[in-house]
Protein backbone atom coordinates (compact mmCIF):
# COMPACT_ATOMS: atom_id res chain seq x y z
CA MET A 1 -74.71 -157.76 -55.48
CA THR A 2 -77.42 -157.68 -51.91
CA LYS A 3 -76.12 -154.14 -50.82
CA ASP A 4 -76.76 -152.74 -54.34
CA LYS A 5 -80.37 -154.11 -55.02
CA ASN A 6 -81.02 -152.77 -50.90
CA ARG A 7 -79.94 -148.61 -52.19
CA CYS A 8 -81.44 -149.48 -55.03
CA ALA A 9 -85.32 -150.22 -53.08
CA ASN A 10 -84.19 -148.10 -49.58
CA GLN A 11 -85.84 -145.21 -49.97
CA ILE A 12 -86.21 -142.14 -47.99
CA LEU A 13 -88.71 -139.48 -47.32
CA ALA A 14 -87.23 -135.93 -47.35
CA ASP A 15 -88.66 -132.56 -47.28
CA MET A 16 -86.98 -128.82 -47.39
CA GLU A 17 -86.91 -128.62 -43.94
CA LEU A 18 -84.38 -131.89 -44.09
CA PHE A 19 -82.50 -130.66 -47.09
CA ASP A 20 -81.96 -127.07 -45.37
CA TYR A 21 -79.91 -128.94 -42.15
CA LEU A 22 -77.83 -130.69 -44.57
CA LYS A 23 -76.47 -127.57 -46.55
CA GLU A 24 -73.48 -127.40 -46.00
CA LYS A 25 -70.88 -123.75 -46.29
CA VAL A 26 -68.29 -124.79 -48.07
CA GLY A 27 -66.85 -121.14 -48.59
CA GLU A 28 -68.68 -119.90 -51.87
CA ARG A 29 -69.28 -123.00 -53.66
CA LYS A 30 -72.14 -124.93 -53.56
CA THR A 31 -71.93 -128.76 -52.54
CA LYS A 32 -74.63 -130.81 -54.55
CA THR A 33 -76.60 -131.14 -51.81
CA GLY A 34 -76.68 -127.13 -51.78
CA ALA A 35 -77.39 -127.05 -55.62
CA TYR A 36 -80.24 -129.78 -55.20
CA TYR A 37 -82.09 -127.66 -52.53
CA ASP A 38 -81.81 -124.94 -54.31
CA LEU A 39 -83.06 -126.39 -57.64
CA LEU A 40 -85.81 -127.77 -54.95
CA GLU A 41 -86.39 -123.63 -53.40
CA LYS A 42 -86.47 -121.88 -57.50
CA CYS A 43 -88.66 -124.80 -58.20
CA ALA A 44 -91.26 -124.38 -54.87
CA THR A 45 -91.45 -120.83 -55.94
CA GLY A 46 -91.83 -120.60 -59.71
CA PHE A 47 -88.50 -118.78 -60.15
CA VAL A 48 -87.57 -117.34 -63.20
CA VAL A 49 -84.36 -115.12 -64.07
CA PRO A 50 -85.25 -111.69 -64.18
CA PHE A 51 -84.81 -111.40 -67.99
CA LEU A 52 -86.85 -114.33 -68.53
CA LYS A 53 -89.96 -112.70 -66.83
CA ASN A 54 -91.43 -111.65 -70.78
CA HIS A 55 -90.67 -115.64 -72.08
CA GLU A 56 -94.04 -116.64 -73.79
CA TYR A 57 -93.56 -120.09 -71.75
CA VAL A 58 -96.25 -120.08 -69.00
CA LEU A 59 -94.76 -122.03 -65.76
CA GLN A 60 -96.40 -124.89 -64.43
CA VAL A 61 -96.72 -126.47 -60.65
CA ASP A 62 -92.97 -127.59 -59.23
CA GLN A 63 -90.95 -125.82 -62.34
CA CYS A 64 -88.65 -122.87 -62.66
CA HIS A 65 -86.75 -120.77 -65.63
CA VAL A 66 -83.53 -120.78 -65.03
CA THR A 67 -80.16 -120.40 -67.88
CA ILE A 68 -77.01 -122.73 -67.21
CA SER A 69 -75.20 -119.26 -67.24
CA ASP A 70 -77.23 -117.40 -63.71
CA LEU A 71 -76.98 -121.34 -62.32
CA ALA A 72 -72.77 -121.55 -62.75
CA SER A 73 -73.01 -117.81 -61.42
CA GLU A 74 -75.20 -118.78 -58.06
CA TRP A 75 -72.85 -122.48 -57.58
CA HIS A 76 -69.81 -120.38 -58.25
CA TRP A 77 -69.32 -123.53 -60.13
CA HIS A 78 -67.92 -124.02 -64.12
CA ARG A 79 -70.83 -123.92 -66.91
CA ALA A 80 -70.12 -128.11 -68.13
CA THR A 81 -70.10 -129.08 -64.00
CA VAL A 82 -73.45 -127.30 -63.87
CA ARG A 83 -74.97 -129.40 -66.95
CA THR A 84 -73.57 -132.70 -65.86
CA PHE A 85 -75.32 -132.32 -62.68
CA LEU A 86 -78.19 -131.71 -63.94
CA ASP A 87 -77.49 -134.58 -66.72
CA LYS A 88 -77.40 -137.00 -63.69
CA LEU A 89 -80.34 -135.72 -62.04
CA GLU A 90 -82.30 -136.17 -64.99
CA ASP A 91 -80.64 -139.48 -65.74
CA MET A 92 -81.70 -140.50 -62.55
CA GLY A 93 -85.30 -139.56 -62.43
CA HIS A 94 -85.42 -136.24 -59.92
CA ILE A 95 -85.84 -133.70 -62.80
CA HIS A 96 -87.22 -132.59 -66.41
CA ARG A 97 -85.81 -129.98 -68.40
CA THR A 98 -87.13 -128.33 -71.32
CA ARG A 99 -84.59 -127.68 -73.08
CA PHE A 100 -84.40 -123.89 -74.68
CA ALA A 101 -81.76 -122.01 -77.28
CA LYS A 102 -80.67 -119.87 -74.19
CA SER A 103 -82.57 -121.26 -70.98
CA VAL A 104 -84.41 -123.79 -69.66
CA VAL A 105 -87.32 -124.82 -67.66
CA ILE A 106 -86.92 -127.26 -65.26
CA THR A 107 -89.50 -129.26 -63.07
CA MET A 108 -88.72 -130.99 -59.75
CA VAL A 109 -90.09 -135.22 -59.78
CA PHE A 110 -91.39 -135.71 -56.50
CA ASN A 111 -93.01 -139.49 -55.31
CA LYS A 112 -91.74 -141.55 -58.18
CA THR A 113 -91.92 -144.78 -57.80
CA GLY A 114 -88.75 -146.83 -58.34
CA ILE A 115 -86.62 -143.46 -58.28
CA GLY A 116 -83.17 -144.14 -59.44
CA ASN A 117 -84.16 -147.67 -60.21
CA SER A 118 -84.57 -146.54 -64.36
CA THR A 119 -84.14 -144.13 -66.45
CA THR A 120 -87.59 -145.58 -68.66
CA SER A 121 -90.31 -142.57 -68.22
CA TYR A 122 -92.77 -144.85 -69.46
CA ASN A 123 -92.66 -148.35 -67.60
CA GLY A 124 -96.42 -148.87 -67.33
CA GLN A 125 -97.38 -148.04 -63.46
CA SER A 126 -99.50 -145.42 -63.09
CA MET A 127 -99.48 -142.16 -62.96
CA ILE A 128 -98.11 -140.57 -59.38
CA ARG A 129 -98.64 -136.87 -60.47
CA PRO A 130 -98.37 -134.94 -62.99
CA ALA A 131 -94.41 -133.99 -63.33
CA ASP A 132 -93.56 -137.12 -65.60
CA GLU A 133 -92.71 -137.39 -68.62
CA PHE A 134 -96.21 -137.39 -70.91
CA ASP A 135 -97.81 -134.91 -68.68
CA ALA A 136 -94.63 -132.61 -69.31
CA ALA A 137 -95.51 -132.87 -72.34
CA LEU A 138 -98.87 -132.08 -72.72
CA SER A 139 -98.13 -128.69 -70.92
CA LYS A 140 -96.13 -127.85 -73.57
CA TRP A 141 -98.62 -128.84 -75.63
CA ILE A 142 -100.81 -126.11 -73.91
CA THR A 143 -98.34 -123.54 -73.66
CA GLY A 144 -98.16 -123.88 -77.46
CA ASN A 145 -94.47 -125.78 -77.18
CA LEU A 146 -95.09 -129.06 -79.29
CA THR A 147 -97.43 -128.66 -82.05
CA ASP A 148 -100.33 -131.48 -82.63
CA SER A 149 -97.92 -133.28 -84.60
CA GLN A 150 -95.19 -133.82 -81.74
CA MET A 151 -97.69 -134.11 -79.04
CA GLY A 152 -99.11 -137.15 -81.39
CA ASP A 153 -95.89 -138.78 -80.93
CA VAL A 154 -95.59 -138.48 -77.29
CA CYS A 155 -99.08 -139.79 -77.73
CA GLU A 156 -97.75 -142.97 -79.75
CA GLN A 157 -95.24 -143.90 -77.69
CA TYR A 158 -96.17 -143.46 -74.29
CA TYR A 159 -99.16 -145.82 -76.02
CA GLU A 160 -96.90 -148.15 -77.11
CA LYS A 161 -95.08 -148.85 -74.09
CA ARG A 162 -98.46 -149.28 -71.52
CA ILE A 163 -99.35 -151.91 -73.91
CA GLU A 164 -96.10 -154.04 -74.58
CA PRO A 165 -96.70 -157.60 -73.92
CA GLU A 166 -95.18 -159.22 -70.84
CA ALA A 167 -96.21 -162.74 -71.80
CA ASP A 168 -93.75 -165.43 -72.39
CA PRO A 169 -93.28 -166.01 -76.07
CA SER A 170 -92.61 -170.02 -75.75
CA ASP A 171 -96.08 -170.29 -73.30
CA ILE A 172 -99.03 -170.44 -75.60
CA ALA A 173 -101.65 -170.64 -72.94
CA SER A 174 -99.78 -167.11 -71.14
CA LEU A 175 -100.03 -165.53 -74.94
CA ILE A 176 -103.54 -166.54 -75.20
CA ASN A 177 -104.67 -165.24 -72.31
CA GLN A 178 -102.52 -161.90 -72.79
CA ALA A 179 -104.11 -161.00 -76.17
CA THR A 180 -107.79 -161.43 -74.36
CA VAL A 181 -106.19 -158.77 -71.37
CA CYS A 182 -104.54 -156.96 -73.96
CA LEU A 183 -107.98 -156.24 -75.84
CA THR A 184 -109.81 -154.72 -72.59
CA ALA A 185 -105.90 -152.92 -71.47
CA CYS A 186 -105.86 -151.36 -75.36
CA ASP A 187 -109.34 -149.82 -74.80
CA GLU A 188 -108.88 -148.63 -71.37
CA LEU A 189 -105.88 -147.15 -71.92
CA THR A 190 -107.29 -145.20 -75.08
CA GLN A 191 -109.95 -143.74 -72.97
CA GLU A 192 -107.60 -142.69 -70.27
CA LEU A 193 -105.08 -140.73 -72.50
CA ALA A 194 -108.55 -139.15 -74.73
CA GLU A 195 -109.67 -138.58 -71.31
CA ARG A 196 -106.09 -136.59 -70.42
CA ILE A 197 -106.15 -134.74 -73.57
CA ALA A 198 -109.59 -133.73 -73.38
CA VAL A 199 -108.49 -131.73 -70.05
CA ALA A 200 -105.19 -130.44 -71.60
CA ALA A 201 -107.05 -129.51 -74.43
CA LEU A 202 -109.65 -127.39 -72.50
CA LYS A 203 -106.68 -125.63 -70.47
CA HIS A 204 -104.97 -124.90 -73.81
CA THR A 205 -108.60 -123.28 -75.38
CA ILE A 206 -108.62 -121.66 -71.91
CA ARG A 207 -105.38 -120.09 -71.88
CA ASN A 208 -106.06 -118.24 -75.25
CA SER A 209 -108.10 -116.20 -72.50
CA ARG A 210 -104.88 -114.92 -70.36
CA PHE A 211 -104.91 -111.48 -71.81
CA ASP A 212 -108.06 -110.79 -71.62
CA ASN A 213 -109.80 -108.34 -68.49
CA PRO A 214 -112.00 -110.26 -65.94
CA SER A 215 -112.91 -107.27 -64.13
CA ALA A 216 -116.02 -107.10 -66.01
CA PHE A 217 -117.31 -110.57 -64.08
CA ILE A 218 -116.16 -108.89 -60.64
CA ASP A 219 -118.05 -105.80 -61.03
CA PHE A 220 -121.41 -107.67 -62.29
CA PHE A 221 -120.79 -109.59 -58.87
CA GLU A 222 -120.45 -106.25 -56.80
CA CYS A 223 -122.66 -104.13 -58.91
CA GLN A 224 -125.03 -106.29 -59.90
CA LEU A 225 -125.06 -109.00 -57.33
CA GLY A 226 -124.51 -107.17 -54.12
CA GLY A 227 -121.80 -109.06 -53.41
CA GLU A 228 -123.99 -112.44 -52.38
CA TRP A 229 -121.78 -115.79 -52.88
CA SER A 230 -124.61 -117.92 -53.65
CA SER A 231 -126.15 -115.77 -56.55
CA LEU A 232 -121.93 -116.06 -57.80
CA LEU A 233 -122.03 -119.88 -57.96
CA GLU A 234 -125.15 -119.57 -59.44
CA THR A 235 -123.96 -117.35 -61.92
CA SER A 236 -120.91 -118.93 -62.56
CA ARG A 237 -122.32 -122.16 -62.68
CA ARG A 238 -124.61 -120.70 -65.84
CA THR A 239 -121.72 -118.81 -67.48
CA ALA A 240 -119.84 -122.48 -67.72
CA LYS A 241 -122.15 -124.00 -68.61
CA MET A 242 -123.51 -121.55 -71.78
CA ILE A 243 -119.24 -121.80 -72.51
CA LEU A 244 -119.27 -125.82 -72.41
CA LEU A 245 -122.79 -126.15 -74.18
CA ASP A 246 -125.29 -124.90 -77.04
CA GLU A 247 -126.05 -121.70 -75.72
CA GLU A 248 -129.58 -122.26 -76.27
CA GLU A 249 -129.60 -124.96 -74.32
CA ALA A 250 -127.86 -122.96 -72.01
CA ALA A 251 -129.56 -120.33 -71.55
CA ASP A 252 -133.56 -119.85 -70.55
CA ASP A 253 -134.64 -117.25 -72.72
CA ASP A 254 -137.82 -117.07 -70.02
CA SER A 255 -135.70 -115.75 -67.54
CA GLY A 256 -134.70 -112.56 -69.92
CA GLU A 257 -131.01 -112.99 -68.58
CA LYS A 258 -129.49 -114.91 -71.16
CA GLU A 259 -127.57 -111.91 -73.36
CA MET A 260 -126.51 -111.20 -69.77
CA LEU A 261 -124.76 -114.37 -69.45
CA LEU A 262 -123.15 -113.91 -72.86
CA THR A 263 -121.60 -110.63 -71.99
CA LEU A 264 -119.78 -112.35 -69.06
CA ARG A 265 -118.46 -115.70 -71.17
CA LYS A 266 -115.33 -113.97 -71.53
CA PRO A 267 -114.28 -111.92 -68.45
CA PHE A 268 -115.51 -115.56 -67.00
CA LYS A 269 -112.95 -117.41 -69.28
CA ALA A 270 -110.31 -114.27 -68.09
CA LEU A 271 -110.86 -115.61 -64.59
CA LEU A 272 -109.69 -119.25 -65.65
CA ALA A 273 -107.20 -118.57 -67.60
CA LYS A 274 -105.48 -115.75 -64.84
CA TYR A 275 -106.37 -118.99 -62.09
CA GLN A 276 -104.81 -121.52 -64.86
CA GLU A 277 -101.35 -119.87 -65.11
CA HIS A 278 -99.77 -120.52 -61.66
CA ASN A 279 -102.54 -123.30 -60.45
CA SER A 280 -101.75 -126.41 -63.20
CA ASP A 281 -104.38 -128.54 -61.04
CA LEU A 282 -107.25 -126.89 -62.89
CA LEU A 283 -109.97 -128.82 -63.97
């Protein structure tokens, strides 16, 4: 029993260099270590199977978009073996999968608290990184792969799990104290989720500009501002303010620049969307 507890409690520090050293060449068939390393590489580089390049799903950090058939072919495994392997990794909390009809997006999970101890996603711990299931769901909502109703269900489940009472039902004093603490915790949790949803909503809105052309903003910087970075910072700040706040409040009518700032809003949002496509840490 003690040995089992130690196996669960002990965690190791491992990086890509270590797995590169550990992987072995055993004919053409990959070992489990080799297959895991391959997933690490694919997620680190944002790998997408070629025929899925035009798929509407926008990868976030530490994700790859693959098919079971391609992994089976590359690893020289049976497709059922690949599925079982991925099932086990997900059960252990090392990956999260977003399944589509003919493909799967795999998110590698790093720096988790209690890896291997539980398959429960929402354990009352503070969030370590955006690769947990709640933020993964928010990412799917941002990209349109979850509806408002579906994301609402996720929020409700997460909220209820976080506020589950931990007091002993037979201890009256503990229950009273728990009720007092719970009121404050509920308010804090509500604000936490509202903050995260607010950021996700901005990302969702910005994403709508991903097909717009940002060149007008670059041209303005080079031609009108003469390549002066300090002027670009000022213009960017004022344009962002105009987008987020009331136009009359954000633009100085006396400066004569209101119309110019209005024309820069669309290419400015296109820049945000382009950046967001390859960097999920925006905002």
